[in-house]
Amino acid sequence: MDEQSPQAITTPPATSRAQFMIRLFPRRGIGLLKSPTPEERAIMAAHRIYMRALADRGRLVLTGLSEDLSTVDGVVIVEVGSEREARDVMENDPFVLAGVMRAEIRPFRTVLARA
C-alpha cells in the first residue's frame, strides 16, 4: 500500500440482506486442530469447499478461527436474505452435519470495514 493513497475505512452500503455471525465450537476442543482423525481431515476439507462456495455466491462476508488455543472456536459471518437462510447455512456446514462442531447463530451488523 502506497503512503500517498491510504486504504479508507468505510461503512458498507445499505442492503436488504442481513448479516449473521455463526460461531463454531469443536466438540473435541484443541484436539481437532492438533491431531485430527482422517475422518475429521476430510470434514475440514469439505468445510473449506463449502466456505468457498458461499463466498463465490456472495453469501460469505468472512470466516476464520481464534488463535487463542484455550477457546478454539471459529467464526463465520454470512450475509443472506433472512435468519432462516442463515440457519440453513449453519445447519448444512459439513462441520455441523458431521457433529464435529456445535454451532450457534446471532444477528450481526458490520459497522466499519476496510475498503
C-alpha atoms as a PDB file:
ATOM      1  CA  MET A   1       0.000   0.000   0.000  1.00  0.00           C
ATOM      2  CA  ASP A   2       1.346   3.428  -1.020  1.00  0.00           C
ATOM      3  CA  GLU A   3       1.722   6.089   1.699  1.00  0.00           C
ATOM      4  CA  GLN A   4       0.068   8.674  -0.531  1.00  0.00           C
ATOM      5  CA  SER A   5      -3.079   6.610  -1.038  1.00  0.00           C
ATOM      6  CA  PRO A   6      -4.061   5.001   2.281  1.00  0.00           C
ATOM      7  CA  GLN A   7      -6.857   2.483   2.207  1.00  0.00           C
ATOM      8  CA  ALA A   8     -10.049   4.079   3.545  1.00  0.00           C
ATOM      9  CA  ILE A   9     -12.223   2.634   6.260  1.00  0.00           C
ATOM     10  CA  THR A  10     -15.812   2.892   5.147  1.00  0.00           C
ATOM     11  CA  THR A  11     -19.279   1.852   6.179  1.00  0.00           C
ATOM     12  CA  PRO A  12     -20.620  -0.807   3.806  1.00  0.00           C
ATOM     13  CA  PRO A  13     -23.528   0.226   1.573  1.00  0.00           C
ATOM     14  CA  ALA A  14     -27.076  -0.356   2.837  1.00  0.00           C
ATOM     15  CA  THR A  15     -28.560  -3.642   1.704  1.00  0.00           C
ATOM     16  CA  SER A  16     -31.805  -5.538   2.071  1.00  0.00           C
ATOM     17  CA  ARG A  17     -29.827  -8.550   3.193  1.00  0.00           C
ATOM     18  CA  ALA A  18     -28.996  -9.234   6.826  1.00  0.00           C
ATOM     19  CA  GLN A  19     -25.761 -10.398   8.410  1.00  0.00           C
ATOM     20  CA  PHE A  20     -25.430 -13.227  10.913  1.00  0.00           C
ATOM     21  CA  MET A  21     -22.497 -14.492  12.945  1.00  0.00           C
ATOM     22  CA  ILE A  22     -22.163 -18.248  13.219  1.00  0.00           C
ATOM     23  CA  ARG A  23     -19.791 -19.444  15.937  1.00  0.00           C
ATOM     24  CA  LEU A  24     -18.415 -22.953  15.689  1.00  0.00           C
ATOM     25  CA  PHE A  25     -17.113 -24.848  18.726  1.00  0.00           C
ATOM     26  CA  PRO A  26     -15.196 -28.115  18.209  1.00  0.00           C
ATOM     27  CA  ARG A  27     -16.584 -30.940  20.307  1.00  0.00           C
ATOM     28  CA  ARG A  28     -13.042 -32.295  20.812  1.00  0.00           C
ATOM     29  CA  GLY A  29     -11.569 -28.873  21.607  1.00  0.00           C
ATOM     30  CA  ILE A  30      -7.958 -28.314  20.599  1.00  0.00           C
ATOM     31  CA  GLY A  31      -7.663 -31.998  19.661  1.00  0.00           C
ATOM     32  CA  LEU A  32      -9.451 -31.229  16.410  1.00  0.00           C
ATOM     33  CA  LEU A  33      -6.626 -28.894  15.366  1.00  0.00           C
ATOM     34  CA  LYS A  34      -3.671 -30.681  16.944  1.00  0.00           C
ATOM     35  CA  SER A  35      -4.490 -34.255  15.997  1.00  0.00           C
ATOM     36  CA  PRO A  36      -7.437 -34.562  13.619  1.00  0.00           C
ATOM     37  CA  THR A  37      -8.527 -38.056  12.647  1.00  0.00           C
ATOM     38  CA  PRO A  38      -8.595 -38.968   8.942  1.00  0.00           C
ATOM     39  CA  GLU A  39     -12.391 -38.514   9.027  1.00  0.00           C
ATOM     40  CA  GLU A  40     -12.022 -35.062  10.627  1.00  0.00           C
ATOM     41  CA  ARG A  41      -9.449 -34.078   7.973  1.00  0.00           C
ATOM     42  CA  ALA A  42     -11.974 -34.967   5.272  1.00  0.00           C
ATOM     43  CA  ILE A  43     -14.668 -32.944   7.046  1.00  0.00           C
ATOM     44  CA  MET A  44     -12.278 -29.965   7.328  1.00  0.00           C
ATOM     45  CA  ALA A  45     -11.655 -30.146   3.584  1.00  0.00           C
ATOM     46  CA  ALA A  46     -15.412 -30.293   2.916  1.00  0.00           C
ATOM     47  CA  HIS A  47     -15.897 -27.262   5.220  1.00  0.00           C
ATOM     48  CA  ARG A  48     -13.313 -25.250   3.229  1.00  0.00           C
ATOM     49  CA  ILE A  49     -15.058 -26.167  -0.030  1.00  0.00           C
ATOM     50  CA  TYR A  50     -18.408 -25.165   1.498  1.00  0.00           C
ATOM     51  CA  MET A  51     -16.995 -21.793   2.637  1.00  0.00           C
ATOM     52  CA  ARG A  52     -15.523 -21.178  -0.838  1.00  0.00           C
ATOM     53  CA  ALA A  53     -18.928 -21.917  -2.424  1.00  0.00           C
ATOM     54  CA  LEU A  54     -20.617 -19.449  -0.049  1.00  0.00           C
ATOM     55  CA  ALA A  55     -18.003 -16.827  -0.953  1.00  0.00           C
ATOM     56  CA  ASP A  56     -18.475 -17.477  -4.666  1.00  0.00           C
ATOM     57  CA  ARG A  57     -22.243 -16.939  -4.257  1.00  0.00           C
ATOM     58  CA  GLY A  58     -21.702 -13.666  -2.374  1.00  0.00           C
ATOM     59  CA  ARG A  59     -23.061 -15.004   0.921  1.00  0.00           C
ATOM     60  CA  LEU A  60     -19.824 -15.200   2.933  1.00  0.00           C
ATOM     61  CA  VAL A  61     -18.534 -11.972   4.481  1.00  0.00           C
ATOM     62  CA  LEU A  62     -15.624 -13.614   6.327  1.00  0.00           C
ATOM     63  CA  THR A  63     -14.558 -16.749   8.123  1.00  0.00           C
ATOM     64  CA  GLY A  64     -11.724 -17.511  10.480  1.00  0.00           C
ATOM     65  CA  LEU A  65     -10.724 -19.078  13.750  1.00  0.00           C
ATOM     66  CA  SER A  66      -9.472 -17.898  17.093  1.00  0.00           C
ATOM     67  CA  GLU A  67      -5.747 -18.215  17.602  1.00  0.00           C
ATOM     68  CA  ASP A  68      -6.335 -18.387  21.355  1.00  0.00           C
ATOM     69  CA  LEU A  69      -5.853 -22.108  21.859  1.00  0.00           C
ATOM     70  CA  SER A  70      -7.745 -22.024  25.152  1.00  0.00           C
ATOM     71  CA  THR A  71     -11.015 -21.194  23.364  1.00  0.00           C
ATOM     72  CA  VAL A  72     -10.551 -22.717  19.893  1.00  0.00           C
ATOM     73  CA  ASP A  73     -13.630 -21.509  18.098  1.00  0.00           C
ATOM     74  CA  GLY A  74     -14.422 -20.431  14.580  1.00  0.00           C
ATOM     75  CA  VAL A  75     -16.476 -17.558  13.246  1.00  0.00           C
ATOM     76  CA  VAL A  76     -18.430 -17.343  10.018  1.00  0.00           C
ATOM     77  CA  ILE A  77     -20.173 -14.105   9.044  1.00  0.00           C
ATOM     78  CA  VAL A  78     -22.786 -14.502   6.334  1.00  0.00           C
ATOM     79  CA  GLU A  79     -24.990 -12.008   4.538  1.00  0.00           C
ATOM     80  CA  VAL A  80     -28.299 -13.523   3.453  1.00  0.00           C
ATOM     81  CA  GLY A  81     -31.939 -12.637   2.939  1.00  0.00           C
ATOM     82  CA  SER A  82     -33.282 -13.996   6.228  1.00  0.00           C
ATOM     83  CA  GLU A  83     -32.467 -15.704   9.502  1.00  0.00           C
ATOM     84  CA  ARG A  84     -33.862 -18.934   8.019  1.00  0.00           C
ATOM     85  CA  GLU A  85     -31.259 -18.747   5.237  1.00  0.00           C
ATOM     86  CA  ALA A  86     -28.522 -18.147   7.817  1.00  0.00           C
ATOM     87  CA  ARG A  87     -29.723 -21.174   9.799  1.00  0.00           C
ATOM     88  CA  ASP A  88     -29.676 -23.236   6.600  1.00  0.00           C
ATOM     89  CA  VAL A  89     -26.068 -22.159   6.009  1.00  0.00           C
ATOM     90  CA  MET A  90     -25.175 -23.141   9.571  1.00  0.00           C
ATOM     91  CA  GLU A  91     -27.031 -26.462   9.541  1.00  0.00           C
ATOM     92  CA  ASN A  92     -25.523 -27.502   6.189  1.00  0.00           C
ATOM     93  CA  ASP A  93     -21.936 -26.767   7.154  1.00  0.00           C
ATOM     94  CA  PRO A  94     -20.076 -30.108   6.959  1.00  0.00           C
ATOM     95  CA  PHE A  95     -18.688 -29.495  10.473  1.00  0.00           C
ATOM     96  CA  VAL A  96     -22.217 -29.262  11.884  1.00  0.00           C
ATOM     97  CA  LEU A  97     -23.691 -32.034   9.723  1.00  0.00           C
ATOM     98  CA  ALA A  98     -20.986 -34.445  10.907  1.00  0.00           C
ATOM     99  CA  GLY A  99     -21.346 -33.398  14.552  1.00  0.00           C
ATOM    100  CA  VAL A 100     -17.685 -32.353  14.720  1.00  0.00           C
ATOM    101  CA  MET A 101     -18.686 -28.880  15.867  1.00  0.00           C
ATOM    102  CA  ARG A 102     -21.644 -27.390  17.626  1.00  0.00           C
ATOM    103  CA  ALA A 103     -22.832 -24.042  16.339  1.00  0.00           C
ATOM    104  CA  GLU A 104     -24.731 -21.011  17.486  1.00  0.00           C
ATOM    105  CA  ILE A 105     -26.047 -18.098  15.472  1.00  0.00           C
ATOM    106  CA  ARG A 106     -26.626 -14.431  16.237  1.00  0.00           C
ATOM    107  CA  PRO A 107     -27.645 -11.388  14.224  1.00  0.00           C
ATOM    108  CA  PHE A 108     -24.612  -9.309  13.275  1.00  0.00           C
ATOM    109  CA  ARG A 109     -24.049  -5.887  11.763  1.00  0.00           C
ATOM    110  CA  THR A 110     -20.846  -4.620  10.233  1.00  0.00           C
ATOM    111  CA  VAL A 111     -20.231  -1.075  11.402  1.00  0.00           C
ATOM    112  CA  LEU A 112     -16.865  -0.399   9.731  1.00  0.00           C
ATOM    113  CA  ALA A 113     -14.867  -2.425   7.269  1.00  0.00           C
ATOM    114  CA  ARG A 114     -11.748  -1.981   5.215  1.00  0.00           C
ATOM    115  CA  ALA A 115     -12.464  -0.949   1.654  1.00  0.00           C
END
